Amino acid sequence: NQYGELLMLASGTGLAPMLPIIQHITDNENDETFVT
């Protein structure tokens, strides 16, 4: 909940660091951060 929303811009394998962040958010039911 540090940010209201994370806007992730990823090109190709630039997807790599985004995936653990998304999973970290969805694994925590108390984290209500929006992700685009």
All heavy atoms as atom14 arrays in JSON, in Angstrom:
{
  "sequence": "NQYGELLMLASGTGLAPMLPIIQHITDNENDETFVT",
  "atom14_mask": [
    [1, 1, 1, 1, 1, 1, 1, 1, 0, 0, 0, 0, 0, 0],
    [1, 1, 1, 1, 1, 1, 1, 1, 1, 0, 0, 0, 0, 0],
    [1, 1, 1, 1, 1, 1, 1, 1, 1, 1, 1, 1, 0, 0],
    [1, 1, 1, 1, 0, 0, 0, 0, 0, 0, 0, 0, 0, 0],
    [1, 1, 1, 1, 1, 1, 1, 1, 1, 0, 0, 0, 0, 0],
    [1, 1, 1, 1, 1, 1, 1, 1, 0, 0, 0, 0, 0, 0],
    [1, 1, 1, 1, 1, 1, 1, 1, 0, 0, 0, 0, 0, 0],
    [1, 1, 1, 1, 1, 1, 1, 1, 0, 0, 0, 0, 0, 0],
    [1, 1, 1, 1, 1, 1, 1, 1, 0, 0, 0, 0, 0, 0],
    [1, 1, 1, 1, 1, 0, 0, 0, 0, 0, 0, 0, 0, 0],
    [1, 1, 1, 1, 1, 1, 0, 0, 0, 0, 0, 0, 0, 0],
    [1, 1, 1, 1, 0, 0, 0, 0, 0, 0, 0, 0, 0, 0],
    [1, 1, 1, 1, 1, 1, 1, 0, 0, 0, 0, 0, 0, 0],
    [1, 1, 1, 1, 0, 0, 0, 0, 0, 0, 0, 0, 0, 0],
    [1, 1, 1, 1, 1, 1, 1, 1, 0, 0, 0, 0, 0, 0],
    [1, 1, 1, 1, 1, 0, 0, 0, 0, 0, 0, 0, 0, 0],
    [1, 1, 1, 1, 1, 1, 1, 0, 0, 0, 0, 0, 0, 0],
    [1, 1, 1, 1, 1, 1, 1, 1, 0, 0, 0, 0, 0, 0],
    [1, 1, 1, 1, 1, 1, 1, 1, 0, 0, 0, 0, 0, 0],
    [1, 1, 1, 1, 1, 1, 1, 0, 0, 0, 0, 0, 0, 0],
    [1, 1, 1, 1, 1, 1, 1, 1, 0, 0, 0, 0, 0, 0],
    [1, 1, 1, 1, 1, 1, 1, 1, 0, 0, 0, 0, 0, 0],
    [1, 1, 1, 1, 1, 1, 1, 1, 1, 0, 0, 0, 0, 0],
    [1, 1, 1, 1, 1, 1, 1, 1, 1, 1, 0, 0, 0, 0],
    [1, 1, 1, 1, 1, 1, 1, 1, 0, 0, 0, 0, 0, 0],
    [1, 1, 1, 1, 1, 1, 1, 0, 0, 0, 0, 0, 0, 0],
    [1, 1, 1, 1, 1, 1, 1, 1, 0, 0, 0, 0, 0, 0],
    [1, 1, 1, 1, 1, 1, 1, 1, 0, 0, 0, 0, 0, 0],
    [1, 1, 1, 1, 1, 1, 1, 1, 1, 0, 0, 0, 0, 0],
    [1, 1, 1, 1, 1, 1, 1, 1, 0, 0, 0, 0, 0, 0],
    [1, 1, 1, 1, 1, 1, 1, 1, 0, 0, 0, 0, 0, 0],
    [1, 1, 1, 1, 1, 1, 1, 1, 1, 0, 0, 0, 0, 0],
    [1, 1, 1, 1, 1, 1, 1, 0, 0, 0, 0, 0, 0, 0],
    [1, 1, 1, 1, 1, 1, 1, 1, 1, 1, 1, 0, 0, 0],
    [1, 1, 1, 1, 1, 1, 1, 0, 0, 0, 0, 0, 0, 0],
    [1, 1, 1, 1, 1, 1, 1, 0, 0, 0, 0, 0, 0, 0]
  ],
  "atom14_positions": [
    [[0.81, -1.22, 0.0], [0.0, 0.0, 0.0], [0.84, 1.27, 0.0], [0.34, 2.36, 0.33], [-0.96, 0.01, 1.2], [-1.9, -1.19, 1.18], [-2.58, -1.45, 0.2], [-1.89, -1.95, 2.28], [0.0, 0.0, 0.0], [0.0, 0.0, 0.0], [0.0, 0.0, 0.0], [0.0, 0.0, 0.0], [0.0, 0.0, 0.0], [0.0, 0.0, 0.0]],
    [[2.11, 1.14, -0.4], [2.98, 2.32, -0.47], [2.53, 3.26, -1.58], [2.64, 4.48, -1.46], [4.42, 1.86, -0.71], [5.45, 2.98, -0.83], [6.86, 2.44, -1.01], [7.08, 1.23, -1.0], [7.81, 3.33, -1.17], [0.0, 0.0, 0.0], [0.0, 0.0, 0.0], [0.0, 0.0, 0.0], [0.0, 0.0, 0.0], [0.0, 0.0, 0.0]],
    [[2.02, 2.68, -2.68], [1.55, 3.46, -3.82], [0.08, 3.13, -4.07], [-0.36, 2.01, -3.84], [2.37, 3.14, -5.07], [3.86, 3.33, -4.89], [4.7, 2.23, -4.71], [4.42, 4.6, -4.87], [6.07, 2.39, -4.53], [5.78, 4.78, -4.7], [6.6, 3.66, -4.52], [7.95, 3.84, -4.34], [0.0, 0.0, 0.0], [0.0, 0.0, 0.0]],
    [[-0.66, 4.11, -4.57], [-2.05, 3.85, -4.91], [-2.15, 2.89, -6.08], [-2.96, 1.97, -6.1], [0.0, 0.0, 0.0], [0.0, 0.0, 0.0], [0.0, 0.0, 0.0], [0.0, 0.0, 0.0], [0.0, 0.0, 0.0], [0.0, 0.0, 0.0], [0.0, 0.0, 0.0], [0.0, 0.0, 0.0], [0.0, 0.0, 0.0], [0.0, 0.0, 0.0]],
    [[-1.27, 3.11, -7.08], [-1.27, 2.25, -8.27], [0.14, 2.19, -8.85], [0.86, 3.19, -8.86], [-2.26, 2.76, -9.32], [-2.33, 1.89, -10.56], [-3.63, 2.04, -11.32], [-4.5, 2.82, -10.88], [-3.79, 1.38, -12.37], [0.0, 0.0, 0.0], [0.0, 0.0, 0.0], [0.0, 0.0, 0.0], [0.0, 0.0, 0.0], [0.0, 0.0, 0.0]],
    [[0.49, 1.02, -9.34], [1.75, 0.83, -10.06], [1.43, 0.66, -11.53], [0.64, -0.21, -11.91], [2.5, -0.4, -9.56], [3.07, -0.34, -8.14], [3.69, -1.68, -7.75], [4.1, 0.78, -8.01], [0.0, 0.0, 0.0], [0.0, 0.0, 0.0], [0.0, 0.0, 0.0], [0.0, 0.0, 0.0], [0.0, 0.0, 0.0], [0.0, 0.0, 0.0]],
    [[2.02, 1.53, -12.37], [1.91, 1.41, -13.81], [3.21, 0.81, -14.31], [4.26, 1.45, -14.24], [1.66, 2.78, -14.45], [1.68, 2.85, -15.98], [0.62, 1.92, -16.59], [1.46, 4.29, -16.45], [0.0, 0.0, 0.0], [0.0, 0.0, 0.0], [0.0, 0.0, 0.0], [0.0, 0.0, 0.0], [0.0, 0.0, 0.0], [0.0, 0.0, 0.0]],
    [[3.15, -0.43, -14.79], [4.34, -1.16, -15.19], [4.48, -1.14, -16.71], [3.59, -1.62, -17.42], [4.28, -2.61, -14.71], [4.18, -2.75, -13.2], [4.02, -4.5, -12.72], [4.23, -4.38, -10.93], [0.0, 0.0, 0.0], [0.0, 0.0, 0.0], [0.0, 0.0, 0.0], [0.0, 0.0, 0.0], [0.0, 0.0, 0.0], [0.0, 0.0, 0.0]],
    [[5.6, -0.6, -17.19], [5.89, -0.55, -18.63], [7.02, -1.52, -18.9], [8.16, -1.28, -18.51], [6.27, 0.87, -19.04], [5.28, 1.98, -18.64], [5.83, 3.34, -19.05], [3.91, 1.74, -19.26], [0.0, 0.0, 0.0], [0.0, 0.0, 0.0], [0.0, 0.0, 0.0], [0.0, 0.0, 0.0], [0.0, 0.0, 0.0], [0.0, 0.0, 0.0]],
    [[6.71, -2.62, -19.58], [7.71, -3.68, -19.79], [7.8, -4.04, -21.26], [6.78, -4.25, -21.92], [7.34, -4.91, -18.97], [0.0, 0.0, 0.0], [0.0, 0.0, 0.0], [0.0, 0.0, 0.0], [0.0, 0.0, 0.0], [0.0, 0.0, 0.0], [0.0, 0.0, 0.0], [0.0, 0.0, 0.0], [0.0, 0.0, 0.0], [0.0, 0.0, 0.0]],
    [[9.02, -4.13, -21.75], [9.26, -4.54, -23.13], [9.99, -5.88, -23.14], [11.08, -6.0, -22.58], [10.09, -3.48, -23.86], [10.44, -3.91, -25.16], [0.0, 0.0, 0.0], [0.0, 0.0, 0.0], [0.0, 0.0, 0.0], [0.0, 0.0, 0.0], [0.0, 0.0, 0.0], [0.0, 0.0, 0.0], [0.0, 0.0, 0.0], [0.0, 0.0, 0.0]],
    [[9.4, -6.88, -23.78], [10.05, -8.18, -23.89], [10.38, -8.79, -22.53], [9.53, -8.86, -21.64], [0.0, 0.0, 0.0], [0.0, 0.0, 0.0], [0.0, 0.0, 0.0], [0.0, 0.0, 0.0], [0.0, 0.0, 0.0], [0.0, 0.0, 0.0], [0.0, 0.0, 0.0], [0.0, 0.0, 0.0], [0.0, 0.0, 0.0], [0.0, 0.0, 0.0]],
    [[11.62, -9.21, -22.36], [12.04, -9.83, -21.1], [12.11, -8.8, -19.97], [12.39, -9.17, -18.83], [13.39, -10.53, -21.24], [14.35, -9.62, -21.82], [13.29, -11.76, -22.13], [0.0, 0.0, 0.0], [0.0, 0.0, 0.0], [0.0, 0.0, 0.0], [0.0, 0.0, 0.0], [0.0, 0.0, 0.0], [0.0, 0.0, 0.0], [0.0, 0.0, 0.0]],
    [[11.84, -7.53, -20.27], [11.68, -6.54, -19.22], [10.49, -6.86, -18.33], [10.28, -6.23, -17.28], [0.0, 0.0, 0.0], [0.0, 0.0, 0.0], [0.0, 0.0, 0.0], [0.0, 0.0, 0.0], [0.0, 0.0, 0.0], [0.0, 0.0, 0.0], [0.0, 0.0, 0.0], [0.0, 0.0, 0.0], [0.0, 0.0, 0.0], [0.0, 0.0, 0.0]],
    [[9.72, -7.88, -18.72], [8.62, -8.36, -17.89], [9.14, -9.0, -16.6], [8.42, -9.03, -15.59], [7.83, -9.4, -18.7], [6.63, -10.06, -18.04], [5.52, -9.05, -17.8], [6.12, -11.22, -18.92], [0.0, 0.0, 0.0], [0.0, 0.0, 0.0], [0.0, 0.0, 0.0], [0.0, 0.0, 0.0], [0.0, 0.0, 0.0], [0.0, 0.0, 0.0]],
    [[10.39, -9.49, -16.63], [10.92, -10.3, -15.52], [10.78, -9.67, -14.14], [10.24, -10.3, -13.22], [12.37, -10.68, -15.81], [0.0, 0.0, 0.0], [0.0, 0.0, 0.0], [0.0, 0.0, 0.0], [0.0, 0.0, 0.0], [0.0, 0.0, 0.0], [0.0, 0.0, 0.0], [0.0, 0.0, 0.0], [0.0, 0.0, 0.0], [0.0, 0.0, 0.0]],
    [[11.25, -8.44, -13.89], [11.15, -7.9, -12.54], [9.72, -7.55, -12.13], [9.43, -7.4, -10.93], [12.02, -6.65, -12.58], [12.02, -6.23, -14.0], [11.97, -7.5, -14.79], [0.0, 0.0, 0.0], [0.0, 0.0, 0.0], [0.0, 0.0, 0.0], [0.0, 0.0, 0.0], [0.0, 0.0, 0.0], [0.0, 0.0, 0.0], [0.0, 0.0, 0.0]],
    [[8.82, -7.43, -13.1], [7.43, -7.07, -12.79], [6.68, -8.25, -12.18], [5.82, -8.07, -11.3], [6.7, -6.6, -14.06], [7.43, -5.54, -14.87], [7.76, -4.02, -13.94], [8.47, -2.99, -15.24], [0.0, 0.0, 0.0], [0.0, 0.0, 0.0], [0.0, 0.0, 0.0], [0.0, 0.0, 0.0], [0.0, 0.0, 0.0], [0.0, 0.0, 0.0]],
    [[6.98, -9.47, -12.63], [6.21, -10.64, -12.2], [6.28, -10.87, -10.69], [5.24, -11.08, -10.05], [6.67, -11.88, -12.97], [6.37, -11.86, -14.47], [6.94, -13.11, -15.13], [4.88, -11.77, -14.72], [0.0, 0.0, 0.0], [0.0, 0.0, 0.0], [0.0, 0.0, 0.0], [0.0, 0.0, 0.0], [0.0, 0.0, 0.0], [0.0, 0.0, 0.0]],
    [[7.48, -10.87, -10.07], [7.5, -11.08, -8.61], [6.77, -9.98, -7.84], [6.19, -10.25, -6.78], [9.0, -11.07, -8.29], [9.69, -11.45, -9.56], [8.84, -10.83, -10.63], [0.0, 0.0, 0.0], [0.0, 0.0, 0.0], [0.0, 0.0, 0.0], [0.0, 0.0, 0.0], [0.0, 0.0, 0.0], [0.0, 0.0, 0.0], [0.0, 0.0, 0.0]],
    [[6.78, -8.76, -8.37], [6.09, -7.66, -7.68], [4.58, -7.9, -7.73], [3.87, -7.75, -6.72], [6.45, -6.31, -8.32], [7.94, -6.03, -8.15], [5.63, -5.18, -7.69], [8.43, -4.8, -8.9], [0.0, 0.0, 0.0], [0.0, 0.0, 0.0], [0.0, 0.0, 0.0], [0.0, 0.0, 0.0], [0.0, 0.0, 0.0], [0.0, 0.0, 0.0]],
    [[4.07, -8.27, -8.91], [2.64, -8.55, -9.04], [2.23, -9.69, -8.1], [1.22, -9.6, -7.38], [2.28, -8.89, -10.5], [2.5, -7.68, -11.4], [0.83, -9.37, -10.59], [2.3, -7.96, -12.87], [0.0, 0.0, 0.0], [0.0, 0.0, 0.0], [0.0, 0.0, 0.0], [0.0, 0.0, 0.0], [0.0, 0.0, 0.0], [0.0, 0.0, 0.0]],
    [[3.01, -10.78, -8.1], [2.68, -11.92, -7.26], [2.78, -11.57, -5.78], [2.02, -12.08, -4.96], [3.58, -13.1, -7.61], [3.32, -13.64, -9.01], [4.28, -14.73, -9.41], [4.04, -15.91, -9.15], [5.39, -14.36, -10.03], [0.0, 0.0, 0.0], [0.0, 0.0, 0.0], [0.0, 0.0, 0.0], [0.0, 0.0, 0.0], [0.0, 0.0, 0.0]],
    [[3.72, -10.7, -5.44], [3.87, -10.26, -4.05], [2.61, -9.51, -3.6], [2.16, -9.67, -2.46], [5.1, -9.35, -3.94], [5.46, -8.97, -2.54], [6.1, -9.82, -1.67], [5.27, -7.81, -1.85], [6.29, -9.21, -0.51], [5.79, -7.98, -0.59], [0.0, 0.0, 0.0], [0.0, 0.0, 0.0], [0.0, 0.0, 0.0], [0.0, 0.0, 0.0]],
    [[2.04, -8.72, -4.5], [0.83, -7.96, -4.18], [-0.38, -8.88, -4.07], [-1.17, -8.8, -3.12], [0.61, -6.86, -5.24], [1.7, -5.79, -5.13], [-0.78, -6.23, -5.09], [1.68, -4.76, -6.24], [0.0, 0.0, 0.0], [0.0, 0.0, 0.0], [0.0, 0.0, 0.0], [0.0, 0.0, 0.0], [0.0, 0.0, 0.0], [0.0, 0.0, 0.0]],
    [[-0.54, -9.79, -5.04], [-1.73, -10.65, -5.02], [-1.66, -11.72, -3.93], [-2.7, -12.25, -3.52], [-1.92, -11.33, -6.39], [-0.73, -12.06, -6.75], [-2.19, -10.29, -7.47], [0.0, 0.0, 0.0], [0.0, 0.0, 0.0], [0.0, 0.0, 0.0], [0.0, 0.0, 0.0], [0.0, 0.0, 0.0], [0.0, 0.0, 0.0], [0.0, 0.0, 0.0]],
    [[-0.47, -12.03, -3.46], [-0.34, -13.0, -2.36], [-0.68, -12.4, -1.01], [-0.85, -13.12, -0.02], [1.09, -13.56, -2.31], [1.36, -14.59, -3.4], [0.39, -15.06, -4.01], [2.55, -14.89, -3.64], [0.0, 0.0, 0.0], [0.0, 0.0, 0.0], [0.0, 0.0, 0.0], [0.0, 0.0, 0.0], [0.0, 0.0, 0.0], [0.0, 0.0, 0.0]],
    [[-0.74, -11.07, -0.95], [-1.01, -10.37, 0.32], [-2.41, -9.76, 0.27], [-2.62, -8.73, -0.38], [0.05, -9.29, 0.55], [-0.12, -8.56, 1.87], [-1.07, -8.81, 2.61], [0.79, -7.65, 2.16], [0.0, 0.0, 0.0], [0.0, 0.0, 0.0], [0.0, 0.0, 0.0], [0.0, 0.0, 0.0], [0.0, 0.0, 0.0], [0.0, 0.0, 0.0]],
    [[-3.35, -10.38, 0.97], [-4.74, -9.91, 0.9], [-4.92, -8.52, 1.5], [-5.93, -7.85, 1.27], [-5.66, -10.9, 1.6], [-5.39, -11.1, 3.08], [-6.32, -12.11, 3.71], [-7.0, -12.83, 2.97], [-6.34, -12.18, 4.95], [0.0, 0.0, 0.0], [0.0, 0.0, 0.0], [0.0, 0.0, 0.0], [0.0, 0.0, 0.0], [0.0, 0.0, 0.0]],
    [[-3.92, -8.07, 2.26], [-4.0, -6.74, 2.86], [-3.4, -5.65, 1.97], [-3.5, -4.47, 2.3], [-3.3, -6.72, 4.22], [-3.99, -7.61, 5.24], [-5.21, -7.61, 5.34], [-3.21, -8.39, 5.98], [0.0, 0.0, 0.0], [0.0, 0.0, 0.0], [0.0, 0.0, 0.0], [0.0, 0.0, 0.0], [0.0, 0.0, 0.0], [0.0, 0.0, 0.0]],
    [[-2.78, -6.06, 0.86], [-2.19, -5.09, -0.06], [-3.23, -4.75, -1.13], [-3.58, -5.59, -1.95], [-0.93, -5.66, -0.7], [-0.11, -4.59, -1.43], [-0.67, -3.51, -1.72], [1.08, -4.84, -1.69], [0.0, 0.0, 0.0], [0.0, 0.0, 0.0], [0.0, 0.0, 0.0], [0.0, 0.0, 0.0], [0.0, 0.0, 0.0], [0.0, 0.0, 0.0]],
    [[-3.71, -3.52, -1.11], [-4.76, -3.09, -2.03], [-4.23, -2.2, -3.15], [-4.97, -1.41, -3.75], [-5.86, -2.37, -1.24], [-6.54, -3.27, -0.21], [-7.67, -2.58, 0.52], [-7.79, -1.34, 0.41], [-8.45, -3.29, 1.19], [0.0, 0.0, 0.0], [0.0, 0.0, 0.0], [0.0, 0.0, 0.0], [0.0, 0.0, 0.0], [0.0, 0.0, 0.0]],
    [[-2.97, -2.35, -3.45], [-2.36, -1.59, -4.54], [-2.93, -2.03, -5.89], [-3.01, -3.23, -6.18], [-0.84, -1.8, -4.56], [-0.3, -1.45, -3.28], [-0.18, -0.96, -5.64], [0.0, 0.0, 0.0], [0.0, 0.0, 0.0], [0.0, 0.0, 0.0], [0.0, 0.0, 0.0], [0.0, 0.0, 0.0], [0.0, 0.0, 0.0], [0.0, 0.0, 0.0]],
    [[-3.36, -1.07, -6.69], [-3.77, -1.37, -8.06], [-2.51, -1.54, -8.93], [-1.49, -0.89, -8.69], [-4.62, -0.24, -8.64], [-6.03, -0.21, -8.11], [-6.4, 0.72, -7.16], [-6.97, -1.1, -8.6], [-7.7, 0.76, -6.69], [-8.28, -1.07, -8.13], [-8.65, -0.14, -7.17], [0.0, 0.0, 0.0], [0.0, 0.0, 0.0], [0.0, 0.0, 0.0]],
    [[-2.61, -2.41, -9.93], [-1.5, -2.61, -10.86], [-2.04, -2.58, -12.28], [-3.02, -3.26, -12.61], [-0.79, -3.96, -10.63], [0.26, -4.2, -11.73], [-0.13, -4.0, -9.26], [0.0, 0.0, 0.0], [0.0, 0.0, 0.0], [0.0, 0.0, 0.0], [0.0, 0.0, 0.0], [0.0, 0.0, 0.0], [0.0, 0.0, 0.0], [0.0, 0.0, 0.0]],
    [[-1.41, -1.77, -13.13], [-1.66, -1.78, -14.56], [-0.36, -2.16, -15.25], [0.62, -1.41, -15.21], [-2.14, -0.41, -15.08], [-3.39, -0.09, -14.47], [-2.31, -0.43, -16.59], [0.0, 0.0, 0.0], [0.0, 0.0, 0.0], [0.0, 0.0, 0.0], [0.0, 0.0, 0.0], [0.0, 0.0, 0.0], [0.0, 0.0, 0.0], [0.0, 0.0, 0.0]]
  ]
}
